[in-house]
Amino acid sequence: MVGSEVDQKYLGNYAKVVGTHNESLSAALFKVLGLSTVLSKKLVRARKQRKLDPTRTTKSLDLYRHIIWMAREGYILLDVYVLPFVLNFVELKVLALKLKASFLHIFVLFDHTYQTKTNFSLPGGPFQQQQQQSPTAPMQQPDTGDADDEPPAKGRADSFYNYINIASQAFVTADDYANRLLSGSHPLRLSVKLEYSAFAHDCMKEYSLSRSIARKAIDDAFASMEAMTDESFEDAMDLVSSLGVMARRGGN
């Protein structure tokens, strides 16, 4: 997901590289990297809490709210301050599109399932318009008052919180660009495939699609004749191993 070591590695490298000619883009990339680093730790905590005590949503509500807020900030940074300026950077464009899908993946996992009281609009709504008008405005964290610390309503199907369709389309877009712009063994392409496969399995419940994505990615990686550095090869093999797990996951 957002905390992928491969994604963070490329984010950090590009944040340094572009700094010599585009300081604003560099700053945005460093902010996304920071959000990604913190989010990866919070996501681990959230998963543990949900496994240890899945019935006590109130105790974990602040953590979920903070995860959603950070994912929203990352999405807006990518959409407004990164993607419009990465046309000349093939790898960075694929990475930005993948991370955009990753942040939406978080919305599907947490906001649609657990949150019904944070008043977070869909990315691209009034908040984003406000950010575009005031690009230097400081980011404000969500209110964590006790008034909101009640269990979320069950069975809510309000489309206001249904992010699965736009997240699915974001993964399709990232996957398409990865296929067209990067070799089959490129770590970023494999990173896109891995999370897309996980999203299809865990969120879309499209188990056959999930396994198909993983198997095709593995086949393409081994069929690729692209020259690679030792570091990229190690990253690719780690991702192929994880894709192998996804290719064997159960489900109808």
C-alpha atoms as a PDB file:
ATOM      1  CA  MET A   1       0.000   0.000   0.000  1.00  0.00           C
ATOM      2  CA  VAL A   2       1.198   3.569   0.648  1.00  0.00           C
ATOM      3  CA  GLY A   3       4.012   2.321   2.878  1.00  0.00           C
ATOM      4  CA  SER A   4       5.743   0.248   0.205  1.00  0.00           C
ATOM      5  CA  GLU A   5       9.519   0.492   0.570  1.00  0.00           C
ATOM      6  CA  VAL A   6       9.953   0.524  -3.206  1.00  0.00           C
ATOM      7  CA  ASP A   7       7.505   3.406  -3.600  1.00  0.00           C
ATOM      8  CA  GLN A   8       9.177   5.368  -0.820  1.00  0.00           C
ATOM      9  CA  LYS A   9      12.616   4.754  -2.317  1.00  0.00           C
ATOM     10  CA  TYR A  10      11.587   6.194  -5.689  1.00  0.00           C
ATOM     11  CA  LEU A  11       9.738   9.070  -4.017  1.00  0.00           C
ATOM     12  CA  GLY A  12      12.837  10.083  -2.073  1.00  0.00           C
ATOM     13  CA  ASN A  13      15.117   9.805  -5.106  1.00  0.00           C
ATOM     14  CA  TYR A  14      12.877  11.900  -7.321  1.00  0.00           C
ATOM     15  CA  ALA A  15      12.259  14.474  -4.601  1.00  0.00           C
ATOM     16  CA  LYS A  16      16.016  15.083  -4.593  1.00  0.00           C
ATOM     17  CA  VAL A  17      16.464  14.969  -8.377  1.00  0.00           C
ATOM     18  CA  VAL A  18      13.724  17.450  -9.299  1.00  0.00           C
ATOM     19  CA  GLY A  19      14.721  19.893  -6.578  1.00  0.00           C
ATOM     20  CA  THR A  20      17.341  21.520  -8.805  1.00  0.00           C
ATOM     21  CA  HIS A  21      14.767  22.808 -11.302  1.00  0.00           C
ATOM     22  CA  ASN A  22      11.364  22.569  -9.599  1.00  0.00           C
ATOM     23  CA  GLU A  23      11.448  23.311  -5.900  1.00  0.00           C
ATOM     24  CA  SER A  24       7.653  23.236  -5.530  1.00  0.00           C
ATOM     25  CA  LEU A  25       7.410  19.746  -7.002  1.00  0.00           C
ATOM     26  CA  SER A  26      10.302  18.586  -4.844  1.00  0.00           C
ATOM     27  CA  ALA A  27       8.618  19.958  -1.710  1.00  0.00           C
ATOM     28  CA  ALA A  28       5.341  18.236  -2.597  1.00  0.00           C
ATOM     29  CA  LEU A  29       7.127  14.920  -3.137  1.00  0.00           C
ATOM     30  CA  PHE A  30       8.887  15.195   0.214  1.00  0.00           C
ATOM     31  CA  LYS A  31       5.518  15.896   1.881  1.00  0.00           C
ATOM     32  CA  VAL A  32       3.989  12.835   0.215  1.00  0.00           C
ATOM     33  CA  LEU A  33       6.995  10.799   1.352  1.00  0.00           C
ATOM     34  CA  GLY A  34       6.535  12.019   4.914  1.00  0.00           C
ATOM     35  CA  LEU A  35       2.835  11.189   4.882  1.00  0.00           C
ATOM     36  CA  SER A  36       3.596   7.775   3.405  1.00  0.00           C
ATOM     37  CA  THR A  37       6.175   7.003   6.091  1.00  0.00           C
ATOM     38  CA  VAL A  38       3.873   7.930   8.965  1.00  0.00           C
ATOM     39  CA  LEU A  39       0.856   6.273   7.376  1.00  0.00           C
ATOM     40  CA  SER A  40       2.660   2.946   6.993  1.00  0.00           C
ATOM     41  CA  LYS A  41       3.144   2.789  10.775  1.00  0.00           C
ATOM     42  CA  LYS A  42      -0.419   3.848  11.537  1.00  0.00           C
ATOM     43  CA  LEU A  43      -1.823   1.284   9.116  1.00  0.00           C
ATOM     44  CA  VAL A  44       0.062  -1.471  10.938  1.00  0.00           C
ATOM     45  CA  ARG A  45      -1.394  -0.247  14.248  1.00  0.00           C
ATOM     46  CA  ALA A  46      -4.889  -0.101  12.790  1.00  0.00           C
ATOM     47  CA  ARG A  47      -4.683  -3.639  11.448  1.00  0.00           C
ATOM     48  CA  LYS A  48      -3.536  -4.932  14.836  1.00  0.00           C
ATOM     49  CA  GLN A  49      -6.328  -3.134  16.663  1.00  0.00           C
ATOM     50  CA  ARG A  50      -8.936  -4.480  14.289  1.00  0.00           C
ATOM     51  CA  LYS A  51      -7.606  -8.033  14.709  1.00  0.00           C
ATOM     52  CA  LEU A  52      -7.276  -7.881  18.483  1.00  0.00           C
ATOM     53  CA  ASP A  53     -10.622  -6.246  19.204  1.00  0.00           C
ATOM     54  CA  PRO A  54     -12.775  -5.797  16.103  1.00  0.00           C
ATOM     55  CA  THR A  55     -15.918  -4.987  18.152  1.00  0.00           C
ATOM     56  CA  ARG A  56     -14.525  -1.880  19.923  1.00  0.00           C
ATOM     57  CA  THR A  57     -14.651   0.647  17.109  1.00  0.00           C
ATOM     58  CA  THR A  58     -14.872   3.615  19.482  1.00  0.00           C
ATOM     59  CA  LYS A  59     -11.417   3.047  20.948  1.00  0.00           C
ATOM     60  CA  SER A  60      -9.838   3.050  17.489  1.00  0.00           C
ATOM     61  CA  LEU A  61     -11.917   5.808  15.938  1.00  0.00           C
ATOM     62  CA  ASP A  62      -9.320   8.566  16.386  1.00  0.00           C
ATOM     63  CA  LEU A  63      -6.668   6.422  14.707  1.00  0.00           C
ATOM     64  CA  TYR A  64      -8.974   5.700  11.761  1.00  0.00           C
ATOM     65  CA  ARG A  65      -9.866   9.377  11.496  1.00  0.00           C
ATOM     66  CA  HIS A  66      -6.207  10.382  11.429  1.00  0.00           C
ATOM     67  CA  ILE A  67      -5.420   7.766   8.779  1.00  0.00           C
ATOM     68  CA  ILE A  68      -8.249   9.078   6.600  1.00  0.00           C
ATOM     69  CA  TRP A  69      -7.128  12.687   7.066  1.00  0.00           C
ATOM     70  CA  MET A  70      -3.541  11.872   6.084  1.00  0.00           C
ATOM     71  CA  ALA A  71      -4.673   9.861   3.062  1.00  0.00           C
ATOM     72  CA  ARG A  72      -6.787  12.813   1.971  1.00  0.00           C
ATOM     73  CA  GLU A  73      -3.887  15.225   2.288  1.00  0.00           C
ATOM     74  CA  GLY A  74      -1.683  12.883   0.263  1.00  0.00           C
ATOM     75  CA  TYR A  75      -4.315  12.530  -2.443  1.00  0.00           C
ATOM     76  CA  ILE A  76      -4.671  16.295  -2.782  1.00  0.00           C
ATOM     77  CA  LEU A  77      -0.903  16.851  -2.883  1.00  0.00           C
ATOM     78  CA  LEU A  78      -0.614  14.353  -5.730  1.00  0.00           C
ATOM     79  CA  ASP A  79      -3.609  15.623  -7.662  1.00  0.00           C
ATOM     80  CA  VAL A  80      -2.814  19.336  -7.394  1.00  0.00           C
ATOM     81  CA  TYR A  81       0.927  19.715  -6.866  1.00  0.00           C
ATOM     82  CA  VAL A  82       2.502  16.588  -8.409  1.00  0.00           C
ATOM     83  CA  LEU A  83       0.622  15.018 -11.323  1.00  0.00           C
ATOM     84  CA  PRO A  84       0.303  18.212 -13.414  1.00  0.00           C
ATOM     85  CA  PHE A  85       4.102  18.605 -13.353  1.00  0.00           C
ATOM     86  CA  VAL A  86       5.460  15.105 -13.998  1.00  0.00           C
ATOM     87  CA  LEU A  87       4.774  14.705 -17.720  1.00  0.00           C
ATOM     88  CA  ASN A  88       8.498  14.463 -18.484  1.00  0.00           C
ATOM     89  CA  PHE A  89       9.195  11.887 -15.756  1.00  0.00           C
ATOM     90  CA  VAL A  90       7.987   8.444 -16.841  1.00  0.00           C
ATOM     91  CA  GLU A  91       8.667   6.598 -13.595  1.00  0.00           C
ATOM     92  CA  LEU A  92       7.415   9.443 -11.438  1.00  0.00           C
ATOM     93  CA  LYS A  93       4.170   9.686 -13.397  1.00  0.00           C
ATOM     94  CA  VAL A  94       3.454   5.989 -12.864  1.00  0.00           C
ATOM     95  CA  LEU A  95       4.401   6.282  -9.195  1.00  0.00           C
ATOM     96  CA  ALA A  96       2.146   9.318  -8.651  1.00  0.00           C
ATOM     97  CA  LEU A  97      -0.810   7.561 -10.288  1.00  0.00           C
ATOM     98  CA  LYS A  98      -0.164   4.451  -8.193  1.00  0.00           C
ATOM     99  CA  LEU A  99       0.010   6.443  -4.954  1.00  0.00           C
ATOM    100  CA  LYS A 100      -3.190   8.264  -5.862  1.00  0.00           C
ATOM    101  CA  ALA A 101      -4.888   4.873  -6.114  1.00  0.00           C
ATOM    102  CA  SER A 102      -3.230   3.833  -2.842  1.00  0.00           C
ATOM    103  CA  PHE A 103      -4.699   6.768  -0.936  1.00  0.00           C
ATOM    104  CA  LEU A 104      -8.136   5.952  -2.332  1.00  0.00           C
ATOM    105  CA  HIS A 105      -7.546   2.338  -1.282  1.00  0.00           C
ATOM    106  CA  ILE A 106      -7.219   3.620   2.280  1.00  0.00           C
ATOM    107  CA  PHE A 107     -10.516   5.483   1.954  1.00  0.00           C
ATOM    108  CA  VAL A 108     -12.211   2.262   0.879  1.00  0.00           C
ATOM    109  CA  LEU A 109     -10.731   0.307   3.785  1.00  0.00           C
ATOM    110  CA  PHE A 110     -11.401   2.854   6.512  1.00  0.00           C
ATOM    111  CA  ASP A 111     -13.831   5.640   5.667  1.00  0.00           C
ATOM    112  CA  HIS A 112     -16.452   3.572   3.857  1.00  0.00           C
ATOM    113  CA  THR A 113     -16.314   0.858   6.506  1.00  0.00           C
ATOM    114  CA  TYR A 114     -15.743   2.694   9.773  1.00  0.00           C
ATOM    115  CA  GLN A 115     -16.271   6.440   9.462  1.00  0.00           C
ATOM    116  CA  THR A 116     -19.607   8.186   9.179  1.00  0.00           C
ATOM    117  CA  LYS A 117     -19.014  11.336  11.241  1.00  0.00           C
ATOM    118  CA  THR A 118     -15.896  13.097   9.954  1.00  0.00           C
ATOM    119  CA  ASN A 119     -17.666  15.039   7.180  1.00  0.00           C
ATOM    120  CA  PHE A 120     -14.874  14.262   4.713  1.00  0.00           C
ATOM    121  CA  SER A 121     -15.999  14.950   1.167  1.00  0.00           C
ATOM    122  CA  LEU A 122     -14.789  12.990  -1.811  1.00  0.00           C
ATOM    123  CA  PRO A 123     -11.346  14.139  -2.992  1.00  0.00           C
ATOM    124  CA  GLY A 124     -11.858  16.858  -5.550  1.00  0.00           C
ATOM    125  CA  GLY A 125     -14.724  18.393  -3.593  1.00  0.00           C
ATOM    126  CA  PRO A 126     -14.927  21.685  -1.650  1.00  0.00           C
ATOM    127  CA  PHE A 127     -11.801  21.013   0.405  1.00  0.00           C
ATOM    128  CA  GLN A 128      -9.625  20.541  -2.660  1.00  0.00           C
ATOM    129  CA  GLN A 129     -11.035  23.712  -4.222  1.00  0.00           C
ATOM    130  CA  GLN A 130     -10.095  25.587  -1.073  1.00  0.00           C
ATOM    131  CA  GLN A 131      -6.573  24.149  -1.194  1.00  0.00           C
ATOM    132  CA  GLN A 132      -6.187  25.182  -4.828  1.00  0.00           C
ATOM    133  CA  GLN A 133      -7.171  28.741  -3.965  1.00  0.00           C
ATOM    134  CA  SER A 134      -4.769  28.857  -1.009  1.00  0.00           C
ATOM    135  CA  PRO A 135      -1.785  26.642  -1.879  1.00  0.00           C
ATOM    136  CA  THR A 136       0.213  27.891   1.097  1.00  0.00           C
ATOM    137  CA  ALA A 137      -2.534  27.318   3.650  1.00  0.00           C
ATOM    138  CA  PRO A 138      -1.370  25.066   6.507  1.00  0.00           C
ATOM    139  CA  MET A 139      -2.873  21.618   6.758  1.00  0.00           C
ATOM    140  CA  GLN A 140      -5.258  21.358   9.710  1.00  0.00           C
ATOM    141  CA  GLN A 141      -5.796  18.064  11.450  1.00  0.00           C
ATOM    142  CA  PRO A 142      -9.332  16.798  11.987  1.00  0.00           C
ATOM    143  CA  ASP A 143     -11.254  17.534  15.142  1.00  0.00           C
ATOM    144  CA  THR A 144     -11.022  14.586  17.515  1.00  0.00           C
ATOM    145  CA  GLY A 145     -13.569  15.769  20.038  1.00  0.00           C
ATOM    146  CA  ASP A 146     -15.549  13.332  22.138  1.00  0.00           C
ATOM    147  CA  ALA A 147     -18.764  14.218  20.338  1.00  0.00           C
ATOM    148  CA  ASP A 148     -17.662  12.151  17.364  1.00  0.00           C
ATOM    149  CA  ASP A 149     -16.339   9.190  19.335  1.00  0.00           C
ATOM    150  CA  GLU A 150     -19.352   6.958  18.943  1.00  0.00           C
ATOM    151  CA  PRO A 151     -19.608   3.740  16.945  1.00  0.00           C
ATOM    152  CA  PRO A 152     -20.410   4.346  13.287  1.00  0.00           C
ATOM    153  CA  ALA A 153     -23.844   3.537  11.973  1.00  0.00           C
ATOM    154  CA  LYS A 154     -24.040   0.018  10.572  1.00  0.00           C
ATOM    155  CA  GLY A 155     -25.168  -0.804   7.074  1.00  0.00           C
ATOM    156  CA  ARG A 156     -24.719   2.703   5.734  1.00  0.00           C
ATOM    157  CA  ALA A 157     -24.650   2.661   1.938  1.00  0.00           C
ATOM    158  CA  ASP A 158     -24.445   6.396   1.327  1.00  0.00           C
ATOM    159  CA  SER A 159     -22.574   6.968  -1.941  1.00  0.00           C
ATOM    160  CA  PHE A 160     -20.944   9.978  -0.265  1.00  0.00           C
ATOM    161  CA  TYR A 161     -18.682   7.450   1.465  1.00  0.00           C
ATOM    162  CA  ASN A 162     -18.484   4.895  -1.348  1.00  0.00           C
ATOM    163  CA  TYR A 163     -14.980   5.260  -2.761  1.00  0.00           C
ATOM    164  CA  ILE A 164     -14.632   1.809  -4.297  1.00  0.00           C
ATOM    165  CA  ASN A 165     -15.600   2.858  -7.831  1.00  0.00           C
ATOM    166  CA  ILE A 166     -13.165   5.776  -8.087  1.00  0.00           C
ATOM    167  CA  ALA A 167     -10.449   3.724  -6.391  1.00  0.00           C
ATOM    168  CA  SER A 168     -10.979   0.915  -8.897  1.00  0.00           C
ATOM    169  CA  GLN A 169     -10.722   3.344 -11.800  1.00  0.00           C
ATOM    170  CA  ALA A 170      -7.565   4.861 -10.290  1.00  0.00           C
ATOM    171  CA  PHE A 171      -5.941   1.418 -10.196  1.00  0.00           C
ATOM    172  CA  VAL A 172      -7.002   0.740 -13.798  1.00  0.00           C
ATOM    173  CA  THR A 173      -5.381   4.029 -14.861  1.00  0.00           C
ATOM    174  CA  ALA A 174      -2.161   3.386 -12.925  1.00  0.00           C
ATOM    175  CA  ASP A 175      -2.014  -0.164 -14.297  1.00  0.00           C
ATOM    176  CA  ASP A 176      -2.508   1.056 -17.870  1.00  0.00           C
ATOM    177  CA  TYR A 177       0.322   3.594 -17.603  1.00  0.00           C
ATOM    178  CA  ALA A 178       2.597   1.044 -15.934  1.00  0.00           C
ATOM    179  CA  ASN A 179       1.961  -1.431 -18.752  1.00  0.00           C
ATOM    180  CA  ARG A 180       2.652   1.133 -21.463  1.00  0.00           C
ATOM    181  CA  LEU A 181       5.597   2.976 -19.948  1.00  0.00           C
ATOM    182  CA  LEU A 182       7.565   0.465 -17.868  1.00  0.00           C
ATOM    183  CA  SER A 183       9.113  -2.928 -18.538  1.00  0.00           C
ATOM    184  CA  GLY A 184       7.578  -6.059 -17.056  1.00  0.00           C
ATOM    185  CA  SER A 185      10.319  -6.392 -14.444  1.00  0.00           C
ATOM    186  CA  HIS A 186      10.386  -2.746 -13.350  1.00  0.00           C
ATOM    187  CA  PRO A 187       9.853  -2.531  -9.564  1.00  0.00           C
ATOM    188  CA  LEU A 188       7.301   0.279  -9.887  1.00  0.00           C
ATOM    189  CA  ARG A 189       5.237  -1.696 -12.383  1.00  0.00           C
ATOM    190  CA  LEU A 190       5.318  -4.695 -10.063  1.00  0.00           C
ATOM    191  CA  SER A 191       4.347  -2.452  -7.145  1.00  0.00           C
ATOM    192  CA  VAL A 192       1.272  -1.291  -9.064  1.00  0.00           C
ATOM    193  CA  LYS A 193       0.349  -4.891  -9.877  1.00  0.00           C
ATOM    194  CA  LEU A 194       0.764  -6.059  -6.284  1.00  0.00           C
ATOM    195  CA  GLU A 195      -1.518  -3.468  -4.738  1.00  0.00           C
ATOM    196  CA  TYR A 196      -4.034  -3.689  -7.577  1.00  0.00           C
ATOM    197  CA  SER A 197      -4.209  -7.445  -6.986  1.00  0.00           C
ATOM    198  CA  ALA A 198      -4.697  -6.911  -3.244  1.00  0.00           C
ATOM    199  CA  PHE A 199      -7.384  -4.290  -3.850  1.00  0.00           C
ATOM    200  CA  ALA A 200      -9.253  -6.566  -6.261  1.00  0.00           C
ATOM    201  CA  HIS A 201      -9.190  -9.380  -3.697  1.00  0.00           C
ATOM    202  CA  ASP A 202      -9.872  -7.531  -0.450  1.00  0.00           C
ATOM    203  CA  CYS A 203     -12.144  -4.694  -1.570  1.00  0.00           C
ATOM    204  CA  MET A 204     -13.727  -5.659  -4.881  1.00  0.00           C
ATOM    205  CA  LYS A 205     -14.009  -9.357  -3.941  1.00  0.00           C
ATOM    206  CA  GLU A 206     -12.935 -10.142  -7.501  1.00  0.00           C
ATOM    207  CA  TYR A 207     -10.812 -13.134  -6.598  1.00  0.00           C
ATOM    208  CA  SER A 208     -10.242 -14.412 -10.126  1.00  0.00           C
ATOM    209  CA  LEU A 209      -9.211 -10.939 -11.283  1.00  0.00           C
ATOM    210  CA  SER A 210      -6.816 -10.639  -8.348  1.00  0.00           C
ATOM    211  CA  ARG A 211      -5.090 -13.911  -9.170  1.00  0.00           C
ATOM    212  CA  SER A 212      -5.025 -13.074 -12.881  1.00  0.00           C
ATOM    213  CA  ILE A 213      -3.313  -9.727 -12.241  1.00  0.00           C
ATOM    214  CA  ALA A 214      -0.685 -11.381 -10.055  1.00  0.00           C
ATOM    215  CA  ARG A 215       0.019 -14.276 -12.429  1.00  0.00           C
ATOM    216  CA  LYS A 216       0.270 -12.023 -15.484  1.00  0.00           C
ATOM    217  CA  ALA A 217       2.639  -9.687 -13.616  1.00  0.00           C
ATOM    218  CA  ILE A 218       4.909 -12.613 -12.701  1.00  0.00           C
ATOM    219  CA  ASP A 219       4.922 -13.909 -16.290  1.00  0.00           C
ATOM    220  CA  ASP A 220       5.720 -10.447 -17.652  1.00  0.00           C
ATOM    221  CA  ALA A 221       8.511  -9.967 -15.120  1.00  0.00           C
ATOM    222  CA  PHE A 222      10.283 -13.194 -16.077  1.00  0.00           C
ATOM    223  CA  ALA A 223       9.737 -12.533 -19.790  1.00  0.00           C
ATOM    224  CA  SER A 224      11.300  -9.082 -19.580  1.00  0.00           C
ATOM    225  CA  MET A 225      14.747  -8.633 -21.105  1.00  0.00           C
ATOM    226  CA  GLU A 226      15.307  -5.202 -19.527  1.00  0.00           C
ATOM    227  CA  ALA A 227      18.750  -4.630 -17.980  1.00  0.00           C
ATOM    228  CA  MET A 228      18.557  -3.998 -14.228  1.00  0.00           C
ATOM    229  CA  THR A 229      20.820  -2.903 -11.421  1.00  0.00           C
ATOM    230  CA  ASP A 230      21.404  -5.315  -8.546  1.00  0.00           C
ATOM    231  CA  GLU A 231      19.207  -3.194  -6.279  1.00  0.00           C
ATOM    232  CA  SER A 232      16.334  -3.090  -8.775  1.00  0.00           C
ATOM    233  CA  PHE A 233      16.634  -6.834  -9.319  1.00  0.00           C
ATOM    234  CA  GLU A 234      16.362  -7.493  -5.584  1.00  0.00           C
ATOM    235  CA  ASP A 235      13.331  -5.190  -5.332  1.00  0.00           C
ATOM    236  CA  ALA A 236      11.715  -6.904  -8.310  1.00  0.00           C
ATOM    237  CA  MET A 237      12.271 -10.384  -6.878  1.00  0.00           C
ATOM    238  CA  ASP A 238      10.784  -9.378  -3.530  1.00  0.00           C
ATOM    239  CA  LEU A 239       7.700  -8.055  -5.304  1.00  0.00           C
ATOM    240  CA  VAL A 240       7.449 -11.158  -7.496  1.00  0.00           C
ATOM    241  CA  SER A 241       7.517 -13.263  -4.339  1.00  0.00           C
ATOM    242  CA  SER A 242       4.633 -11.251  -2.873  1.00  0.00           C
ATOM    243  CA  LEU A 243       2.755 -11.517  -6.160  1.00  0.00           C
ATOM    244  CA  GLY A 244       3.213 -15.278  -5.963  1.00  0.00           C
ATOM    245  CA  VAL A 245       1.365 -15.234  -2.647  1.00  0.00           C
ATOM    246  CA  MET A 246      -1.439 -13.198  -4.224  1.00  0.00           C
ATOM    247  CA  ALA A 247      -1.640 -15.614  -7.167  1.00  0.00           C
ATOM    248  CA  ARG A 248      -2.291 -18.487  -4.745  1.00  0.00           C
ATOM    249  CA  ARG A 249      -4.797 -16.731  -2.469  1.00  0.00           C
ATOM    250  CA  GLY A 250      -8.131 -18.433  -2.032  1.00  0.00           C
ATOM    251  CA  GLY A 251     -11.586 -17.139  -2.810  1.00  0.00           C
ATOM    252  CA  ASN A 252     -14.381 -18.013  -5.183  1.00  0.00           C
END
